[in-house]
Amino acid sequence: MTESFQSLRAILLPYAEEMFVMRDDDEVYCLDTHHIMKNGKRMFFASARVSKTYTSFHLMPVYVSPALLTGMSEPLAKRMQGKSCFNFEKPDAALFAELSELTARGHADYRARGYLGA
């Protein structure tokens, strides 16, 4: 387990109790909600994943509600690939703190949309 992965996984741990932990090993930590989509699958919330060159953090609420990205710092924006993925080659405490705040806002957005239940 890389230091970046451990830090990004730690961002998600507080949300695990009210979601489904779909995978938890040395390479992937993945959370899905209880909300069932039209295709019969659970709605994805977030994950941390280790690859050969970086560790990625996927946060689906920013895809569902792009307004969550308003005010995001330029350094974090530079780490973004696609619409909901952030890549890190090494740990960055300041960016991980900002990502933790963004994750909390995403969690609140999912709750407001009814994706997390009551």
N, C-alpha and C. Protein backbone atom coordinates (compact mmCIF):
# COMPACT_ATOMS: atom_id res chain seq x y z
N MET A 1 0.85 -1.18 0.00
CA MET A 1 0.00 0.00 0.00
C MET A 1 0.89 1.23 0.00
N THR A 2 0.66 2.12 -0.96
CA THR A 2 1.47 3.34 -1.01
C THR A 2 0.96 4.35 0.02
N GLU A 3 1.81 5.30 0.33
CA GLU A 3 1.41 6.35 1.27
C GLU A 3 0.24 7.16 0.71
N SER A 4 0.28 7.45 -0.59
CA SER A 4 -0.82 8.19 -1.22
C SER A 4 -2.12 7.41 -1.11
N PHE A 5 -2.07 6.11 -1.41
CA PHE A 5 -3.27 5.28 -1.33
C PHE A 5 -3.82 5.25 0.08
N GLN A 6 -2.94 5.10 1.07
CA GLN A 6 -3.40 5.08 2.47
C GLN A 6 -4.09 6.39 2.83
N SER A 7 -3.54 7.51 2.38
CA SER A 7 -4.12 8.82 2.69
C SER A 7 -5.46 9.01 1.98
N LEU A 8 -5.54 8.61 0.72
CA LEU A 8 -6.79 8.76 -0.04
C LEU A 8 -7.86 7.81 0.48
N ARG A 9 -7.46 6.61 0.85
CA ARG A 9 -8.40 5.65 1.45
C ARG A 9 -8.95 6.21 2.75
N ALA A 10 -8.09 6.86 3.53
CA ALA A 10 -8.51 7.45 4.81
C ALA A 10 -9.58 8.52 4.61
N ILE A 11 -9.54 9.22 3.49
CA ILE A 11 -10.57 10.23 3.20
C ILE A 11 -11.94 9.55 3.10
N LEU A 12 -11.98 8.35 2.57
CA LEU A 12 -13.25 7.65 2.33
C LEU A 12 -13.76 6.85 3.53
N LEU A 13 -12.87 6.47 4.42
CA LEU A 13 -13.26 5.61 5.54
C LEU A 13 -14.45 6.13 6.35
N PRO A 14 -14.57 7.43 6.63
CA PRO A 14 -15.71 7.89 7.42
C PRO A 14 -17.07 7.66 6.77
N TYR A 15 -17.09 7.41 5.47
CA TYR A 15 -18.35 7.23 4.74
C TYR A 15 -18.73 5.76 4.59
N ALA A 16 -17.84 4.87 4.96
CA ALA A 16 -18.05 3.44 4.74
C ALA A 16 -19.24 2.88 5.51
N GLU A 17 -19.50 3.38 6.69
CA GLU A 17 -20.56 2.83 7.53
C GLU A 17 -21.93 2.92 6.87
N GLU A 18 -22.16 3.97 6.09
CA GLU A 18 -23.49 4.13 5.49
C GLU A 18 -23.52 3.74 4.00
N MET A 19 -22.44 3.13 3.52
CA MET A 19 -22.38 2.70 2.12
C MET A 19 -21.92 1.25 2.04
N PHE A 20 -21.80 0.77 0.83
CA PHE A 20 -21.27 -0.57 0.59
C PHE A 20 -19.80 -0.47 0.23
N VAL A 21 -18.96 -1.17 0.94
CA VAL A 21 -17.55 -1.26 0.59
C VAL A 21 -17.46 -2.36 -0.46
N MET A 22 -17.28 -1.96 -1.71
CA MET A 22 -17.28 -2.91 -2.81
C MET A 22 -15.94 -3.63 -2.95
N ARG A 23 -14.89 -2.95 -2.53
CA ARG A 23 -13.57 -3.57 -2.58
C ARG A 23 -12.66 -2.86 -1.59
N ASP A 24 -11.87 -3.64 -0.86
CA ASP A 24 -10.94 -3.09 0.12
C ASP A 24 -9.71 -3.99 0.18
N ASP A 25 -8.70 -3.63 -0.60
CA ASP A 25 -7.45 -4.38 -0.60
C ASP A 25 -6.29 -3.40 -0.77
N ASP A 26 -5.11 -3.91 -1.10
CA ASP A 26 -3.93 -3.05 -1.21
C ASP A 26 -3.89 -2.19 -2.46
N GLU A 27 -4.83 -2.39 -3.38
CA GLU A 27 -4.84 -1.64 -4.64
C GLU A 27 -6.09 -0.79 -4.85
N VAL A 28 -7.21 -1.19 -4.26
CA VAL A 28 -8.47 -0.48 -4.49
C VAL A 28 -9.29 -0.41 -3.20
N TYR A 29 -9.86 0.76 -2.96
CA TYR A 29 -10.87 0.94 -1.92
C TYR A 29 -12.05 1.62 -2.61
N CYS A 30 -13.20 0.97 -2.64
CA CYS A 30 -14.33 1.46 -3.44
C CYS A 30 -15.62 1.46 -2.63
N LEU A 31 -16.35 2.57 -2.71
CA LEU A 31 -17.63 2.72 -2.02
C LEU A 31 -18.77 2.94 -3.02
N ASP A 32 -19.85 2.21 -2.85
CA ASP A 32 -21.09 2.43 -3.60
C ASP A 32 -22.18 2.81 -2.60
N THR A 33 -23.19 3.51 -3.10
CA THR A 33 -24.32 3.90 -2.26
C THR A 33 -25.37 2.79 -2.24
N HIS A 34 -26.41 2.99 -1.47
CA HIS A 34 -27.54 2.06 -1.44
C HIS A 34 -28.50 2.33 -2.60
N HIS A 35 -28.34 3.46 -3.25
CA HIS A 35 -29.24 3.84 -4.35
C HIS A 35 -29.06 2.90 -5.55
N ILE A 36 -30.15 2.33 -6.01
CA ILE A 36 -30.13 1.45 -7.18
C ILE A 36 -30.55 2.26 -8.40
N MET A 37 -29.69 2.25 -9.42
CA MET A 37 -29.97 3.00 -10.64
C MET A 37 -30.89 2.20 -11.56
N LYS A 38 -31.30 2.81 -12.66
CA LYS A 38 -32.22 2.16 -13.61
C LYS A 38 -31.65 0.88 -14.18
N ASN A 39 -30.32 0.78 -14.26
CA ASN A 39 -29.70 -0.43 -14.80
C ASN A 39 -29.59 -1.55 -13.77
N GLY A 40 -30.10 -1.31 -12.56
CA GLY A 40 -30.10 -2.32 -11.51
C GLY A 40 -28.83 -2.36 -10.67
N LYS A 41 -27.88 -1.48 -10.95
CA LYS A 41 -26.62 -1.46 -10.20
C LYS A 41 -26.64 -0.34 -9.16
N ARG A 42 -25.83 -0.51 -8.13
CA ARG A 42 -25.71 0.52 -7.11
C ARG A 42 -24.96 1.72 -7.67
N MET A 43 -25.30 2.91 -7.18
CA MET A 43 -24.63 4.13 -7.61
C MET A 43 -23.27 4.23 -6.94
N PHE A 44 -22.27 4.49 -7.76
CA PHE A 44 -20.89 4.65 -7.30
C PHE A 44 -20.74 5.97 -6.55
N PHE A 45 -19.98 5.95 -5.45
CA PHE A 45 -19.66 7.17 -4.73
C PHE A 45 -18.21 7.59 -4.98
N ALA A 46 -17.26 6.76 -4.59
CA ALA A 46 -15.85 7.15 -4.74
C ALA A 46 -14.95 5.94 -4.58
N SER A 47 -13.69 6.11 -5.04
CA SER A 47 -12.69 5.07 -4.85
C SER A 47 -11.29 5.66 -4.87
N ALA A 48 -10.38 4.93 -4.29
CA ALA A 48 -8.95 5.20 -4.39
C ALA A 48 -8.35 3.97 -5.06
N ARG A 49 -7.47 4.20 -6.06
CA ARG A 49 -6.90 3.09 -6.82
C ARG A 49 -5.42 3.31 -7.08
N VAL A 50 -4.65 2.26 -6.92
CA VAL A 50 -3.22 2.30 -7.21
C VAL A 50 -3.00 1.79 -8.63
N SER A 51 -2.21 2.54 -9.41
CA SER A 51 -1.79 2.06 -10.73
C SER A 51 -0.26 2.08 -10.77
N LYS A 52 0.33 1.78 -11.90
CA LYS A 52 1.79 1.72 -12.00
C LYS A 52 2.46 3.06 -11.72
N THR A 53 1.88 4.15 -12.21
CA THR A 53 2.57 5.44 -12.12
C THR A 53 1.93 6.43 -11.16
N TYR A 54 0.72 6.18 -10.70
CA TYR A 54 0.07 7.13 -9.81
C TYR A 54 -1.02 6.45 -9.00
N THR A 55 -1.55 7.18 -8.05
CA THR A 55 -2.72 6.74 -7.30
C THR A 55 -3.86 7.68 -7.68
N SER A 56 -4.99 7.11 -8.01
CA SER A 56 -6.12 7.93 -8.44
C SER A 56 -7.22 7.93 -7.40
N PHE A 57 -7.97 9.02 -7.39
CA PHE A 57 -9.11 9.21 -6.51
C PHE A 57 -10.29 9.57 -7.41
N HIS A 58 -11.27 8.69 -7.47
CA HIS A 58 -12.45 8.92 -8.30
C HIS A 58 -13.58 9.38 -7.38
N LEU A 59 -14.20 10.51 -7.71
CA LEU A 59 -15.26 11.07 -6.88
C LEU A 59 -16.47 11.39 -7.76
N MET A 60 -17.41 10.46 -7.82
CA MET A 60 -18.56 10.59 -8.72
C MET A 60 -19.45 11.80 -8.44
N PRO A 61 -19.62 12.27 -7.22
CA PRO A 61 -20.47 13.44 -7.02
C PRO A 61 -20.06 14.66 -7.86
N VAL A 62 -18.78 14.82 -8.17
CA VAL A 62 -18.39 15.98 -8.98
C VAL A 62 -18.78 15.79 -10.44
N TYR A 63 -19.01 14.57 -10.87
CA TYR A 63 -19.54 14.30 -12.20
C TYR A 63 -21.03 14.58 -12.23
N VAL A 64 -21.73 14.14 -11.18
CA VAL A 64 -23.17 14.34 -11.07
C VAL A 64 -23.49 15.82 -10.89
N SER A 65 -22.67 16.52 -10.14
CA SER A 65 -22.90 17.94 -9.84
C SER A 65 -21.60 18.72 -10.01
N PRO A 66 -21.26 19.11 -11.25
CA PRO A 66 -20.01 19.82 -11.51
C PRO A 66 -19.84 21.13 -10.72
N ALA A 67 -20.94 21.69 -10.25
CA ALA A 67 -20.85 22.92 -9.46
C ALA A 67 -20.03 22.71 -8.19
N LEU A 68 -19.88 21.47 -7.74
CA LEU A 68 -19.06 21.18 -6.57
C LEU A 68 -17.61 21.60 -6.79
N LEU A 69 -17.18 21.68 -8.04
CA LEU A 69 -15.80 22.04 -8.36
C LEU A 69 -15.54 23.54 -8.32
N THR A 70 -16.59 24.33 -8.18
CA THR A 70 -16.43 25.78 -8.10
C THR A 70 -15.53 26.14 -6.93
N GLY A 71 -14.52 26.92 -7.19
CA GLY A 71 -13.59 27.33 -6.15
C GLY A 71 -12.45 26.36 -5.92
N MET A 72 -12.38 25.30 -6.70
CA MET A 72 -11.29 24.34 -6.55
C MET A 72 -9.96 25.03 -6.87
N SER A 73 -8.94 24.72 -6.11
CA SER A 73 -7.64 25.34 -6.32
C SER A 73 -7.04 24.91 -7.65
N GLU A 74 -6.18 25.75 -8.20
CA GLU A 74 -5.49 25.43 -9.45
C GLU A 74 -4.62 24.17 -9.31
N PRO A 75 -3.87 24.03 -8.20
CA PRO A 75 -3.06 22.80 -8.05
C PRO A 75 -3.90 21.52 -8.06
N LEU A 76 -5.09 21.54 -7.44
CA LEU A 76 -5.94 20.36 -7.46
C LEU A 76 -6.52 20.17 -8.86
N ALA A 77 -6.91 21.25 -9.50
CA ALA A 77 -7.44 21.16 -10.87
C ALA A 77 -6.43 20.53 -11.81
N LYS A 78 -5.15 20.81 -11.60
CA LYS A 78 -4.10 20.23 -12.45
C LYS A 78 -4.00 18.72 -12.27
N ARG A 79 -4.47 18.21 -11.14
CA ARG A 79 -4.43 16.77 -10.87
C ARG A 79 -5.64 16.05 -11.47
N MET A 80 -6.59 16.81 -11.97
CA MET A 80 -7.83 16.24 -12.47
C MET A 80 -7.66 15.70 -13.88
N GLN A 81 -8.17 14.49 -14.07
CA GLN A 81 -8.18 13.88 -15.38
C GLN A 81 -9.61 13.42 -15.63
N GLY A 82 -10.18 13.85 -16.73
CA GLY A 82 -11.58 13.54 -16.97
C GLY A 82 -12.47 14.40 -16.10
N LYS A 83 -13.67 13.91 -15.82
CA LYS A 83 -14.64 14.71 -15.08
C LYS A 83 -14.72 14.40 -13.59
N SER A 84 -14.11 13.29 -13.16
CA SER A 84 -14.25 12.93 -11.74
C SER A 84 -13.04 12.21 -11.16
N CYS A 85 -11.90 12.31 -11.80
CA CYS A 85 -10.71 11.58 -11.35
C CYS A 85 -9.56 12.55 -11.07
N PHE A 86 -8.88 12.29 -9.96
CA PHE A 86 -7.71 13.08 -9.56
C PHE A 86 -6.54 12.11 -9.42
N ASN A 87 -5.40 12.42 -10.05
CA ASN A 87 -4.23 11.55 -10.02
C ASN A 87 -3.10 12.17 -9.22
N PHE A 88 -2.42 11.32 -8.43
CA PHE A 88 -1.32 11.78 -7.59
C PHE A 88 -0.15 10.82 -7.74
N GLU A 89 1.04 11.38 -7.99
CA GLU A 89 2.25 10.57 -8.06
C GLU A 89 2.89 10.43 -6.69
N LYS A 90 2.61 11.38 -5.81
CA LYS A 90 3.15 11.34 -4.45
C LYS A 90 2.15 12.02 -3.51
N PRO A 91 2.26 11.79 -2.22
CA PRO A 91 1.35 12.41 -1.26
C PRO A 91 1.48 13.94 -1.26
N ASP A 92 0.38 14.59 -1.04
CA ASP A 92 0.36 16.05 -0.95
C ASP A 92 -0.70 16.42 0.09
N ALA A 93 -0.26 16.70 1.30
CA ALA A 93 -1.18 16.92 2.43
C ALA A 93 -2.18 18.03 2.15
N ALA A 94 -1.74 19.13 1.56
CA ALA A 94 -2.65 20.25 1.29
C ALA A 94 -3.72 19.86 0.28
N LEU A 95 -3.33 19.18 -0.78
CA LEU A 95 -4.31 18.77 -1.78
C LEU A 95 -5.22 17.67 -1.25
N PHE A 96 -4.70 16.79 -0.43
CA PHE A 96 -5.53 15.75 0.16
C PHE A 96 -6.55 16.37 1.12
N ALA A 97 -6.17 17.42 1.83
CA ALA A 97 -7.12 18.11 2.71
C ALA A 97 -8.22 18.77 1.89
N GLU A 98 -7.85 19.38 0.78
CA GLU A 98 -8.86 19.99 -0.10
C GLU A 98 -9.77 18.92 -0.70
N LEU A 99 -9.20 17.80 -1.07
CA LEU A 99 -9.98 16.70 -1.63
C LEU A 99 -10.92 16.11 -0.58
N SER A 100 -10.49 16.09 0.66
CA SER A 100 -11.34 15.62 1.75
C SER A 100 -12.55 16.53 1.92
N GLU A 101 -12.32 17.84 1.81
CA GLU A 101 -13.42 18.81 1.90
C GLU A 101 -14.37 18.65 0.71
N LEU A 102 -13.82 18.44 -0.46
CA LEU A 102 -14.63 18.23 -1.67
C LEU A 102 -15.45 16.95 -1.53
N THR A 103 -14.87 15.93 -0.96
CA THR A 103 -15.58 14.67 -0.74
C THR A 103 -16.74 14.88 0.23
N ALA A 104 -16.53 15.66 1.28
CA ALA A 104 -17.61 15.96 2.23
C ALA A 104 -18.75 16.71 1.54
N ARG A 105 -18.40 17.66 0.68
CA ARG A 105 -19.44 18.39 -0.06
C ARG A 105 -20.17 17.46 -1.04
N GLY A 106 -19.42 16.55 -1.65
CA GLY A 106 -20.04 15.58 -2.54
C GLY A 106 -20.98 14.65 -1.80
N HIS A 107 -20.58 14.24 -0.62
CA HIS A 107 -21.43 13.40 0.23
C HIS A 107 -22.72 14.15 0.57
N ALA A 108 -22.60 15.41 0.93
CA ALA A 108 -23.79 16.22 1.25
C ALA A 108 -24.69 16.37 0.02
N ASP A 109 -24.08 16.53 -1.15
CA ASP A 109 -24.85 16.65 -2.39
C ASP A 109 -25.61 15.35 -2.67
N TYR A 110 -24.95 14.22 -2.53
CA TYR A 110 -25.62 12.94 -2.72
C TYR A 110 -26.76 12.77 -1.73
N ARG A 111 -26.54 13.18 -0.48
CA ARG A 111 -27.61 13.09 0.52
C ARG A 111 -28.79 13.95 0.11
N ALA A 112 -28.54 15.18 -0.33
CA ALA A 112 -29.61 16.09 -0.73
C ALA A 112 -30.39 15.53 -1.94
N ARG A 113 -29.74 14.78 -2.79
CA ARG A 113 -30.38 14.19 -3.97
C ARG A 113 -31.10 12.90 -3.63
N GLY A 114 -30.97 12.42 -2.39
CA GLY A 114 -31.63 11.20 -1.97
C GLY A 114 -30.90 9.92 -2.31
N TYR A 115 -29.63 10.02 -2.68
CA TYR A 115 -28.85 8.84 -3.06
C TYR A 115 -28.33 8.06 -1.86
N LEU A 116 -28.39 8.65 -0.67
CA LEU A 116 -27.85 7.99 0.52
C LEU A 116 -28.94 7.55 1.48
N GLY A 117 -30.16 7.75 1.14
CA GLY A 117 -31.24 7.41 2.05
C GLY A 117 -31.54 8.56 2.98
N ALA A 118 -32.29 8.27 4.02
CA ALA A 118 -32.72 9.32 4.96
C ALA A 118 -31.58 9.84 5.80
